[in-house]
Amino acid sequence: MRRLVLVISILGLAACATSEPRRTLGAARPAAQPADGLWAILDPGCPKPSLANVGAWPRCASPFWINQGSAVVVRTRAAARGQALSHSYRADVSLAGADPTIAQVGNENGGYLFFALVDLAHDDQGRVIAAIGAAVACPGQSDGAISATPNAGGCEAASPGDMRRAARATLRDQNLLTRVAWIAAGAP
């Protein structure tokens, strides 16, 4: 279910990422960036796929790609069966800060989604290759913990500090956490 929520959240960012995103978390300390290539969103207990062929993956793993600051998510299950990739969406992606690291996904036109990430693993070049995290809630009105407003498919944080506090609160619920892992180099 968590994988479905993550995939649906990212799919909500259907706007093409052609404009330079406003870095809402730019005031936060910069973080290592994710490795380019094929990634998997993994349900609890799901083994990490070892093959780049997404058609051979178990149903508990969902593919997405990161390439030069953009994420591409495939919308159809047909892609997981090795059929043509007919529906996909692209969104800008960047990481900021630590404790926790915040992933900002989206663009100014389509809005942003924010993901709190912990337990980051890095490759020998310092790129992120695995993490555990959850989507940060983006309420329509201030509830004291975060003041954010929905913007098309995402949200806009009132401040980096508010977003970081909301991210920490999200991570307290172990039931929301999902693993993501880098699988192989390449693009869709």
C-alpha atoms as a PDB file:
ATOM      1  CA  MET A   1       0.000   0.000   0.000  1.00  0.00           C
ATOM      2  CA  ARG A   2       2.848   2.399   0.822  1.00  0.00           C
ATOM      3  CA  ARG A   3       4.389   1.740  -2.595  1.00  0.00           C
ATOM      4  CA  LEU A   4       1.058   2.560  -4.211  1.00  0.00           C
ATOM      5  CA  VAL A   5       0.839   5.830  -2.266  1.00  0.00           C
ATOM      6  CA  LEU A   6       4.379   6.796  -3.335  1.00  0.00           C
ATOM      7  CA  VAL A   7       3.770   5.921  -6.977  1.00  0.00           C
ATOM      8  CA  ILE A   8       0.434   7.762  -7.037  1.00  0.00           C
ATOM      9  CA  SER A   9       2.028  10.770  -5.350  1.00  0.00           C
ATOM     10  CA  ILE A  10       4.781  10.938  -7.922  1.00  0.00           C
ATOM     11  CA  LEU A  11       2.314  10.349 -10.754  1.00  0.00           C
ATOM     12  CA  GLY A  12       0.364  13.360  -9.557  1.00  0.00           C
ATOM     13  CA  LEU A  13       3.231  15.449 -10.854  1.00  0.00           C
ATOM     14  CA  ALA A  14       2.254  14.937 -14.482  1.00  0.00           C
ATOM     15  CA  ALA A  15       3.460  18.340 -15.583  1.00  0.00           C
ATOM     16  CA  CYS A  16       6.551  18.272 -17.742  1.00  0.00           C
ATOM     17  CA  ALA A  17       9.655  19.473 -15.895  1.00  0.00           C
ATOM     18  CA  THR A  18      10.790  22.076 -18.395  1.00  0.00           C
ATOM     19  CA  SER A  19      11.174  25.060 -16.099  1.00  0.00           C
ATOM     20  CA  GLU A  20      13.852  25.427 -13.456  1.00  0.00           C
ATOM     21  CA  PRO A  21      12.220  24.535 -10.115  1.00  0.00           C
ATOM     22  CA  ARG A  22      12.231  27.000  -7.271  1.00  0.00           C
ATOM     23  CA  ARG A  23      14.436  25.420  -4.640  1.00  0.00           C
ATOM     24  CA  THR A  24      12.145  25.701  -1.638  1.00  0.00           C
ATOM     25  CA  LEU A  25      14.648  23.862   0.508  1.00  0.00           C
ATOM     26  CA  GLY A  26      17.632  25.785  -0.843  1.00  0.00           C
ATOM     27  CA  ALA A  27      18.375  27.333   2.525  1.00  0.00           C
ATOM     28  CA  ALA A  28      18.984  23.876   3.947  1.00  0.00           C
ATOM     29  CA  ARG A  29      22.392  22.249   3.885  1.00  0.00           C
ATOM     30  CA  PRO A  30      23.041  20.597   0.461  1.00  0.00           C
ATOM     31  CA  ALA A  31      22.946  16.814   0.378  1.00  0.00           C
ATOM     32  CA  ALA A  32      24.493  14.169  -1.814  1.00  0.00           C
ATOM     33  CA  GLN A  33      22.414  13.615  -4.915  1.00  0.00           C
ATOM     34  CA  PRO A  34      20.911  10.305  -6.043  1.00  0.00           C
ATOM     35  CA  ALA A  35      22.789   8.096  -8.507  1.00  0.00           C
ATOM     36  CA  ASP A  36      21.473   8.219 -12.065  1.00  0.00           C
ATOM     37  CA  GLY A  37      19.783   5.074 -13.327  1.00  0.00           C
ATOM     38  CA  LEU A  38      17.019   2.597 -12.585  1.00  0.00           C
ATOM     39  CA  TRP A  39      15.591   2.583  -9.049  1.00  0.00           C
ATOM     40  CA  ALA A  40      12.985   0.461  -7.261  1.00  0.00           C
ATOM     41  CA  ILE A  41      10.315   1.337  -4.713  1.00  0.00           C
ATOM     42  CA  LEU A  42      10.098  -1.779  -2.522  1.00  0.00           C
ATOM     43  CA  ASP A  43       7.174  -3.003  -0.443  1.00  0.00           C
ATOM     44  CA  PRO A  44       8.064  -4.252   3.070  1.00  0.00           C
ATOM     45  CA  GLY A  45       9.882  -7.577   2.817  1.00  0.00           C
ATOM     46  CA  CYS A  46      10.357  -7.242  -0.942  1.00  0.00           C
ATOM     47  CA  PRO A  47      13.762  -8.421  -2.182  1.00  0.00           C
ATOM     48  CA  LYS A  48      15.806  -5.884  -4.102  1.00  0.00           C
ATOM     49  CA  PRO A  49      15.748  -6.824  -7.810  1.00  0.00           C
ATOM     50  CA  SER A  50      19.169  -7.675  -9.199  1.00  0.00           C
ATOM     51  CA  LEU A  51      18.221  -7.358 -12.863  1.00  0.00           C
ATOM     52  CA  ALA A  52      17.662  -4.215 -14.921  1.00  0.00           C
ATOM     53  CA  ASN A  53      14.848  -6.028 -16.778  1.00  0.00           C
ATOM     54  CA  VAL A  54      11.774  -4.699 -14.936  1.00  0.00           C
ATOM     55  CA  GLY A  55       9.682  -7.439 -16.564  1.00  0.00           C
ATOM     56  CA  ALA A  56      11.460  -9.961 -14.333  1.00  0.00           C
ATOM     57  CA  TRP A  57      10.818  -8.004 -11.119  1.00  0.00           C
ATOM     58  CA  PRO A  58       8.442  -9.209  -8.414  1.00  0.00           C
ATOM     59  CA  ARG A  59       5.139  -7.326  -8.135  1.00  0.00           C
ATOM     60  CA  CYS A  60       6.310  -5.818  -4.833  1.00  0.00           C
ATOM     61  CA  ALA A  61       8.921  -3.680  -6.670  1.00  0.00           C
ATOM     62  CA  SER A  62       8.019  -0.612  -8.766  1.00  0.00           C
ATOM     63  CA  PRO A  63      10.505   0.952 -11.191  1.00  0.00           C
ATOM     64  CA  PHE A  64      11.445   4.586 -11.622  1.00  0.00           C
ATOM     65  CA  TRP A  65      14.455   6.269 -13.160  1.00  0.00           C
ATOM     66  CA  ILE A  66      16.566   9.219 -12.081  1.00  0.00           C
ATOM     67  CA  ASN A  67      18.676  10.985 -14.668  1.00  0.00           C
ATOM     68  CA  GLN A  68      20.424  14.360 -14.323  1.00  0.00           C
ATOM     69  CA  GLY A  69      18.065  15.753 -11.685  1.00  0.00           C
ATOM     70  CA  SER A  70      14.840  14.361 -13.164  1.00  0.00           C
ATOM     71  CA  ALA A  71      12.783  11.378 -12.083  1.00  0.00           C
ATOM     72  CA  VAL A  72      10.695   9.367 -14.544  1.00  0.00           C
ATOM     73  CA  VAL A  73       7.891   7.156 -13.250  1.00  0.00           C
ATOM     74  CA  VAL A  74       6.171   4.579 -15.434  1.00  0.00           C
ATOM     75  CA  ARG A  75       2.435   4.580 -14.942  1.00  0.00           C
ATOM     76  CA  THR A  76       1.347   1.237 -16.349  1.00  0.00           C
ATOM     77  CA  ARG A  77       1.904  -2.315 -15.125  1.00  0.00           C
ATOM     78  CA  ALA A  78       2.566  -3.177 -18.798  1.00  0.00           C
ATOM     79  CA  ALA A  79       6.064  -1.753 -18.329  1.00  0.00           C
ATOM     80  CA  ALA A  80       6.698  -4.254 -15.552  1.00  0.00           C
ATOM     81  CA  ARG A  81       5.770  -7.030 -17.975  1.00  0.00           C
ATOM     82  CA  GLY A  82       8.332  -5.859 -20.534  1.00  0.00           C
ATOM     83  CA  GLN A  83       5.815  -4.185 -22.862  1.00  0.00           C
ATOM     84  CA  ALA A  84       6.205  -0.737 -24.384  1.00  0.00           C
ATOM     85  CA  LEU A  85       6.428   2.215 -21.983  1.00  0.00           C
ATOM     86  CA  SER A  86       3.396   4.179 -23.110  1.00  0.00           C
ATOM     87  CA  HIS A  87       2.686   6.333 -20.060  1.00  0.00           C
ATOM     88  CA  SER A  88       5.356   7.994 -18.005  1.00  0.00           C
ATOM     89  CA  TYR A  89       5.818  11.222 -16.101  1.00  0.00           C
ATOM     90  CA  ARG A  90       8.867  13.342 -15.448  1.00  0.00           C
ATOM     91  CA  ALA A  91       9.547  15.618 -12.484  1.00  0.00           C
ATOM     92  CA  ASP A  92      12.604  17.438 -11.154  1.00  0.00           C
ATOM     93  CA  VAL A  93      14.194  15.834  -8.095  1.00  0.00           C
ATOM     94  CA  SER A  94      16.703  17.230  -5.622  1.00  0.00           C
ATOM     95  CA  LEU A  95      17.862  16.379  -2.115  1.00  0.00           C
ATOM     96  CA  ALA A  96      18.606  18.825   0.674  1.00  0.00           C
ATOM     97  CA  GLY A  97      19.988  18.691   4.177  1.00  0.00           C
ATOM     98  CA  ALA A  98      20.303  15.895   6.646  1.00  0.00           C
ATOM     99  CA  ASP A  99      18.477  14.675   9.754  1.00  0.00           C
ATOM    100  CA  PRO A 100      16.371  13.917   7.783  1.00  0.00           C
ATOM    101  CA  THR A 101      17.289  14.441   4.155  1.00  0.00           C
ATOM    102  CA  ILE A 102      14.374  15.929   2.218  1.00  0.00           C
ATOM    103  CA  ALA A 103      13.691  14.953  -1.388  1.00  0.00           C
ATOM    104  CA  GLN A 104      11.831  17.637  -3.319  1.00  0.00           C
ATOM    105  CA  VAL A 105      10.056  16.189  -6.363  1.00  0.00           C
ATOM    106  CA  GLY A 106       8.127  18.242  -8.909  1.00  0.00           C
ATOM    107  CA  ASN A 107       8.348  21.634 -10.513  1.00  0.00           C
ATOM    108  CA  GLU A 108       7.011  25.139 -10.059  1.00  0.00           C
ATOM    109  CA  ASN A 109       4.131  24.635 -12.492  1.00  0.00           C
ATOM    110  CA  GLY A 110       2.923  21.278 -11.205  1.00  0.00           C
ATOM    111  CA  GLY A 111       3.781  21.691  -7.554  1.00  0.00           C
ATOM    112  CA  TYR A 112       6.120  19.795  -5.269  1.00  0.00           C
ATOM    113  CA  LEU A 113       5.963  16.685  -3.172  1.00  0.00           C
ATOM    114  CA  PHE A 114       8.387  16.213  -0.307  1.00  0.00           C
ATOM    115  CA  PHE A 115       9.798  12.940   0.991  1.00  0.00           C
ATOM    116  CA  ALA A 116      11.647  12.466   4.275  1.00  0.00           C
ATOM    117  CA  LEU A 117      14.625  10.129   3.829  1.00  0.00           C
ATOM    118  CA  VAL A 118      16.793   8.357   6.413  1.00  0.00           C
ATOM    119  CA  ASP A 119      19.313   5.503   6.418  1.00  0.00           C
ATOM    120  CA  LEU A 120      20.874   6.726   3.179  1.00  0.00           C
ATOM    121  CA  ALA A 121      23.489   4.468   1.588  1.00  0.00           C
ATOM    122  CA  HIS A 122      26.134   5.965  -0.700  1.00  0.00           C
ATOM    123  CA  ASP A 123      28.330   4.581  -3.450  1.00  0.00           C
ATOM    124  CA  ASP A 124      32.080   5.181  -3.628  1.00  0.00           C
ATOM    125  CA  GLN A 125      31.453   8.498  -5.418  1.00  0.00           C
ATOM    126  CA  GLY A 126      29.161   9.764  -2.653  1.00  0.00           C
ATOM    127  CA  ARG A 127      25.907   9.385  -4.611  1.00  0.00           C
ATOM    128  CA  VAL A 128      22.833   8.113  -2.772  1.00  0.00           C
ATOM    129  CA  ILE A 129      21.982   4.539  -3.803  1.00  0.00           C
ATOM    130  CA  ALA A 130      19.402   3.540  -1.164  1.00  0.00           C
ATOM    131  CA  ALA A 131      17.182   5.082   1.486  1.00  0.00           C
ATOM    132  CA  ILE A 132      14.154   4.548   3.658  1.00  0.00           C
ATOM    133  CA  GLY A 133      11.500   7.228   3.688  1.00  0.00           C
ATOM    134  CA  ALA A 134       7.942   8.453   3.438  1.00  0.00           C
ATOM    135  CA  ALA A 135       5.946  11.192   1.768  1.00  0.00           C
ATOM    136  CA  VAL A 136       5.567  14.235   4.016  1.00  0.00           C
ATOM    137  CA  ALA A 137       1.976  15.292   4.599  1.00  0.00           C
ATOM    138  CA  CYS A 138       1.002  18.592   3.047  1.00  0.00           C
ATOM    139  CA  PRO A 139      -2.163  19.891   4.707  1.00  0.00           C
ATOM    140  CA  GLY A 140      -4.180  22.645   3.077  1.00  0.00           C
ATOM    141  CA  GLN A 141      -4.097  24.800   6.175  1.00  0.00           C
ATOM    142  CA  SER A 142      -1.638  25.346   8.975  1.00  0.00           C
ATOM    143  CA  ASP A 143      -1.966  22.831  11.774  1.00  0.00           C
ATOM    144  CA  GLY A 144       0.878  24.262  13.796  1.00  0.00           C
ATOM    145  CA  ALA A 145       3.433  21.688  12.632  1.00  0.00           C
ATOM    146  CA  ILE A 146       3.569  22.836   9.014  1.00  0.00           C
ATOM    147  CA  SER A 147       1.950  25.535   6.986  1.00  0.00           C
ATOM    148  CA  ALA A 148       1.636  24.452   3.397  1.00  0.00           C
ATOM    149  CA  THR A 149      -0.751  24.953   0.537  1.00  0.00           C
ATOM    150  CA  PRO A 150      -1.628  22.454  -2.182  1.00  0.00           C
ATOM    151  CA  ASN A 151      -0.335  23.443  -5.616  1.00  0.00           C
ATOM    152  CA  ALA A 152      -1.728  21.293  -8.447  1.00  0.00           C
ATOM    153  CA  GLY A 153      -0.177  17.873  -7.813  1.00  0.00           C
ATOM    154  CA  GLY A 154       1.973  18.851  -4.857  1.00  0.00           C
ATOM    155  CA  CYS A 155       2.511  21.397  -2.144  1.00  0.00           C
ATOM    156  CA  GLU A 156       4.528  24.454  -1.292  1.00  0.00           C
ATOM    157  CA  ALA A 157       6.211  24.651   2.103  1.00  0.00           C
ATOM    158  CA  ALA A 158       5.976  27.775   4.220  1.00  0.00           C
ATOM    159  CA  SER A 159       9.621  27.425   5.246  1.00  0.00           C
ATOM    160  CA  PRO A 160      12.422  24.855   5.217  1.00  0.00           C
ATOM    161  CA  GLY A 161      12.207  24.633   9.018  1.00  0.00           C
ATOM    162  CA  ASP A 162       8.499  23.828   8.920  1.00  0.00           C
ATOM    163  CA  MET A 163       9.066  21.185   6.248  1.00  0.00           C
ATOM    164  CA  ARG A 164      11.899  19.602   8.260  1.00  0.00           C
ATOM    165  CA  ARG A 165       9.694  19.440  11.403  1.00  0.00           C
ATOM    166  CA  ALA A 166       6.885  17.833   9.379  1.00  0.00           C
ATOM    167  CA  ALA A 167       9.387  15.354   7.881  1.00  0.00           C
ATOM    168  CA  ARG A 168      10.588  14.323  11.352  1.00  0.00           C
ATOM    169  CA  ALA A 169       6.988  13.839  12.470  1.00  0.00           C
ATOM    170  CA  THR A 170       6.266  11.693   9.392  1.00  0.00           C
ATOM    171  CA  LEU A 171       9.237   9.429  10.101  1.00  0.00           C
ATOM    172  CA  ARG A 172       7.899   8.594  13.575  1.00  0.00           C
ATOM    173  CA  ASP A 173       5.187   6.415  11.980  1.00  0.00           C
ATOM    174  CA  GLN A 174       7.031   3.213  11.025  1.00  0.00           C
ATOM    175  CA  ASN A 175       4.007   2.063   9.005  1.00  0.00           C
ATOM    176  CA  LEU A 176       4.604   4.834   6.453  1.00  0.00           C
ATOM    177  CA  LEU A 177       8.211   3.921   5.673  1.00  0.00           C
ATOM    178  CA  THR A 178       9.217   2.460   2.304  1.00  0.00           C
ATOM    179  CA  ARG A 179      12.609   1.404   0.924  1.00  0.00           C
ATOM    180  CA  VAL A 180      14.014   2.723  -2.344  1.00  0.00           C
ATOM    181  CA  ALA A 181      17.111   1.248  -3.940  1.00  0.00           C
ATOM    182  CA  TRP A 182      19.279   1.932  -6.966  1.00  0.00           C
ATOM    183  CA  ILE A 183      19.369  -1.063  -9.324  1.00  0.00           C
ATOM    184  CA  ALA A 184      21.471  -0.218 -12.386  1.00  0.00           C
ATOM    185  CA  ALA A 185      22.734   2.572 -14.618  1.00  0.00           C
ATOM    186  CA  GLY A 186      20.580   3.523 -17.597  1.00  0.00           C
ATOM    187  CA  ALA A 187      17.549   5.503 -18.662  1.00  0.00           C
ATOM    188  CA  PRO A 188      13.999   4.487 -19.653  1.00  0.00           C
END
